[in-house]
Amino acid sequence: MPTSRFAALGLVAASLAVPATSRAQEAHAKGGVDIVAGLEGGGTGYAKGVRRSRSLLRFGTEVWVDEDPKHQVALGALVELEPVASFGADLRYQLRASDSSVFHAGATSVIAPKYMLGATFGFGYRLAVTDTVELNFNPVANVYFWGSDLPKDTVLWQAMLGVGARVDLF
């Protein structure tokens, strides 16, 4: 019977070593909308030179886990309002550098009626209005380098300013 005593002591020791509760990582998300406008250039023909950029609405969400809230992933739906209506999307990595500042880099696209693919970079200043609502002010730079809406051998650049709001989703 000495073996059963060792087994019982082993079970007791193992149960004391395991924490009484375990905690899984929790996901958090914010949803938001921004209106974005600015300047663009790099075109040819009628689009040659610097001109006012396409104005757009960005409907987005950003997600992170509570273990590392500084690192976030954001996905946005883009609706260009004028001069011609079009639709697109972006996918961003965001670094929340402080309570009020967020840097992002990622891919951006216009999907329809013609397509363009490019990169997006930016900085956001977040002003907390309540515990669950933030106002967002962000300069954004986009560079489109591929697509049917670009003249051959042309890169379209945009320097834009966005203003919007973010609310906690979960």
Protein backbone atom coordinates (compact mmCIF):
# COMPACT_ATOMS: atom_id res chain seq x y z
CA MET A 1 0.00 0.00 0.00
CA PRO A 2 2.91 2.47 0.13
CA THR A 3 2.43 3.07 -3.61
CA SER A 4 -1.15 4.26 -3.10
CA ARG A 5 0.02 6.72 -0.41
CA PHE A 6 2.55 8.21 -2.83
CA ALA A 7 -0.12 8.41 -5.50
CA ALA A 8 -2.50 10.18 -3.10
CA LEU A 9 0.21 12.64 -2.01
CA GLY A 10 1.03 13.25 -5.69
CA LEU A 11 -2.61 14.05 -6.46
CA VAL A 12 -2.85 16.45 -3.52
CA ALA A 13 0.39 18.20 -4.55
CA ALA A 14 -0.79 18.45 -8.18
CA SER A 15 -4.16 19.92 -7.16
CA LEU A 16 -2.41 22.57 -5.06
CA ALA A 17 -0.13 23.49 -7.97
CA VAL A 18 -3.01 24.09 -10.41
CA PRO A 19 -4.64 27.52 -10.03
CA ALA A 20 -8.20 27.49 -8.78
CA THR A 21 -9.38 29.56 -11.75
CA SER A 22 -7.91 30.12 -15.14
CA ARG A 23 -8.51 33.21 -17.18
CA ALA A 24 -8.69 33.24 -20.96
CA GLN A 25 -7.74 36.22 -23.05
CA GLU A 26 -10.66 38.49 -23.74
CA ALA A 27 -11.20 40.19 -27.08
CA HIS A 28 -12.17 43.85 -27.23
CA ALA A 29 -13.44 45.89 -30.17
CA LYS A 30 -14.32 49.42 -31.11
CA GLY A 31 -16.46 50.40 -34.06
CA GLY A 32 -16.33 53.75 -35.74
CA VAL A 33 -16.96 56.01 -38.68
CA ASP A 34 -14.70 58.67 -40.20
CA ILE A 35 -15.18 61.21 -42.96
CA VAL A 36 -11.93 61.65 -44.88
CA ALA A 37 -10.83 64.23 -47.49
CA GLY A 38 -7.65 65.95 -48.62
CA LEU A 39 -5.33 66.25 -51.62
CA GLU A 40 -4.09 63.77 -54.21
CA GLY A 41 -1.66 63.75 -57.09
CA GLY A 42 0.34 61.64 -59.46
CA GLY A 43 -2.22 61.28 -62.21
CA THR A 44 -1.94 62.04 -65.91
CA GLY A 45 -4.20 63.82 -68.40
CA TYR A 46 -7.12 65.50 -66.64
CA ALA A 47 -5.79 64.21 -63.29
CA LYS A 48 -2.30 65.70 -63.75
CA GLY A 49 -0.99 67.77 -60.86
CA VAL A 50 -2.36 68.17 -57.34
CA ARG A 51 -6.12 68.34 -56.79
CA ARG A 52 -8.73 67.69 -54.12
CA SER A 53 -8.90 63.97 -53.28
CA ARG A 54 -11.92 61.77 -53.41
CA SER A 55 -14.01 62.27 -50.26
CA LEU A 56 -14.93 59.09 -48.45
CA LEU A 57 -16.58 57.54 -45.45
CA ARG A 58 -14.72 54.81 -43.57
CA PHE A 59 -16.78 52.39 -41.46
CA GLY A 60 -14.40 50.32 -39.39
CA THR A 61 -13.73 48.12 -36.45
CA GLU A 62 -10.54 47.53 -34.49
CA VAL A 63 -9.93 44.42 -32.39
CA TRP A 64 -7.36 43.52 -29.71
CA VAL A 65 -6.92 41.16 -26.78
CA ASP A 66 -6.64 42.43 -23.21
CA GLU A 67 -3.26 40.76 -22.76
CA ASP A 68 -1.67 43.19 -25.24
CA PRO A 69 -4.00 46.15 -25.98
CA LYS A 70 -1.26 48.14 -27.72
CA HIS A 71 -1.35 45.86 -30.77
CA GLN A 72 -4.58 46.02 -32.77
CA VAL A 73 -5.99 44.87 -36.10
CA ALA A 74 -8.45 47.14 -37.91
CA LEU A 75 -10.73 46.42 -40.85
CA GLY A 76 -12.62 49.14 -42.69
CA ALA A 77 -15.24 49.45 -45.42
CA LEU A 78 -14.62 52.49 -47.64
CA VAL A 79 -17.35 54.37 -49.48
CA GLU A 80 -16.10 57.09 -51.83
CA LEU A 81 -18.79 59.73 -52.11
CA GLU A 82 -17.58 61.90 -54.96
CA PRO A 83 -16.64 62.66 -57.64
CA VAL A 84 -17.88 59.13 -58.46
CA ALA A 85 -19.34 56.62 -56.00
CA SER A 86 -17.07 53.64 -55.39
CA PHE A 87 -16.43 51.04 -52.72
CA GLY A 88 -13.33 49.58 -51.12
CA ALA A 89 -11.74 48.16 -47.99
CA ASP A 90 -8.65 48.46 -45.87
CA LEU A 91 -6.81 46.24 -43.44
CA ARG A 92 -4.49 47.86 -40.89
CA TYR A 93 -2.11 47.00 -38.11
CA GLN A 94 -2.48 49.62 -35.37
CA LEU A 95 -0.10 50.44 -32.54
CA ARG A 96 -1.77 52.21 -29.64
CA ALA A 97 1.26 54.20 -28.44
CA SER A 98 -0.65 55.92 -25.61
CA ASP A 99 -4.22 56.52 -24.45
CA SER A 100 -4.54 59.28 -27.05
CA SER A 101 -2.31 58.23 -29.96
CA VAL A 102 -2.58 55.43 -32.52
CA PHE A 103 -0.27 54.73 -35.48
CA HIS A 104 -1.37 52.53 -38.38
CA ALA A 105 0.05 50.86 -41.50
CA GLY A 106 -1.66 48.50 -43.88
CA ALA A 107 -3.26 47.83 -47.24
CA THR A 108 -6.05 49.83 -48.85
CA SER A 109 -8.14 49.17 -51.93
CA VAL A 110 -10.90 50.43 -54.14
CA ILE A 111 -12.90 47.44 -55.36
CA ALA A 112 -15.72 48.76 -57.57
CA PRO A 113 -16.52 50.05 -60.13
CA LYS A 114 -12.81 49.94 -61.00
CA TYR A 115 -10.07 48.67 -58.71
CA MET A 116 -6.88 50.05 -57.14
CA LEU A 117 -4.56 48.52 -54.56
CA GLY A 118 -2.15 50.38 -52.33
CA ALA A 119 -0.75 51.08 -48.89
CA THR A 120 -2.01 53.30 -46.08
CA PHE A 121 -0.10 54.95 -43.23
CA GLY A 122 -1.36 57.30 -40.57
CA PHE A 123 -1.58 58.66 -37.08
CA GLY A 124 -4.69 59.13 -34.97
CA TYR A 125 -5.29 61.39 -32.02
CA ARG A 126 -8.06 59.98 -29.82
CA LEU A 127 -9.94 62.23 -27.43
CA ALA A 128 -11.95 60.30 -24.83
CA VAL A 129 -15.45 61.77 -24.45
CA THR A 130 -16.74 59.06 -22.10
CA ASP A 131 -15.46 55.65 -20.98
CA THR A 132 -16.86 54.11 -24.18
CA VAL A 133 -16.68 56.92 -26.79
CA GLU A 134 -13.64 58.54 -28.42
CA LEU A 135 -13.38 61.30 -31.02
CA ASN A 136 -10.76 60.58 -33.68
CA PHE A 137 -8.60 63.07 -35.63
CA ASN A 138 -6.18 61.45 -38.06
CA PRO A 139 -3.93 62.45 -40.92
CA VAL A 140 -3.63 59.60 -43.43
CA ALA A 141 -1.31 58.97 -46.40
CA ASN A 142 -2.36 56.51 -49.10
CA VAL A 143 -0.32 55.37 -52.08
CA TYR A 144 -2.08 53.42 -54.85
CA PHE A 145 0.31 51.55 -57.12
CA TRP A 146 -1.76 48.93 -58.97
CA GLY A 147 -5.20 48.78 -60.59
CA SER A 148 -7.52 49.40 -63.50
CA ASP A 149 -8.27 52.96 -62.31
CA LEU A 150 -4.61 54.02 -62.60
CA PRO A 151 -2.94 55.17 -65.81
CA LYS A 152 -0.03 52.99 -66.87
CA ASP A 153 3.20 53.48 -64.88
CA THR A 154 1.51 55.88 -62.44
CA VAL A 155 1.38 55.99 -58.67
CA LEU A 156 -1.48 57.92 -57.10
CA TRP A 157 -0.78 59.49 -53.70
CA GLN A 158 -3.23 60.98 -51.21
CA ALA A 159 -2.62 63.18 -48.18
CA MET A 160 -5.87 63.26 -46.23
CA LEU A 161 -7.40 64.23 -42.92
CA GLY A 162 -10.07 62.16 -41.21
CA VAL A 163 -12.47 63.10 -38.43
CA GLY A 164 -14.76 60.65 -36.71
CA ALA A 165 -15.80 58.75 -33.60
CA ARG A 166 -15.17 55.33 -32.03
CA VAL A 167 -17.45 53.44 -29.62
CA ASP A 168 -16.80 50.27 -27.60
CA LEU A 169 -18.50 47.22 -29.09
CA PHE A 170 -17.33 44.58 -26.56
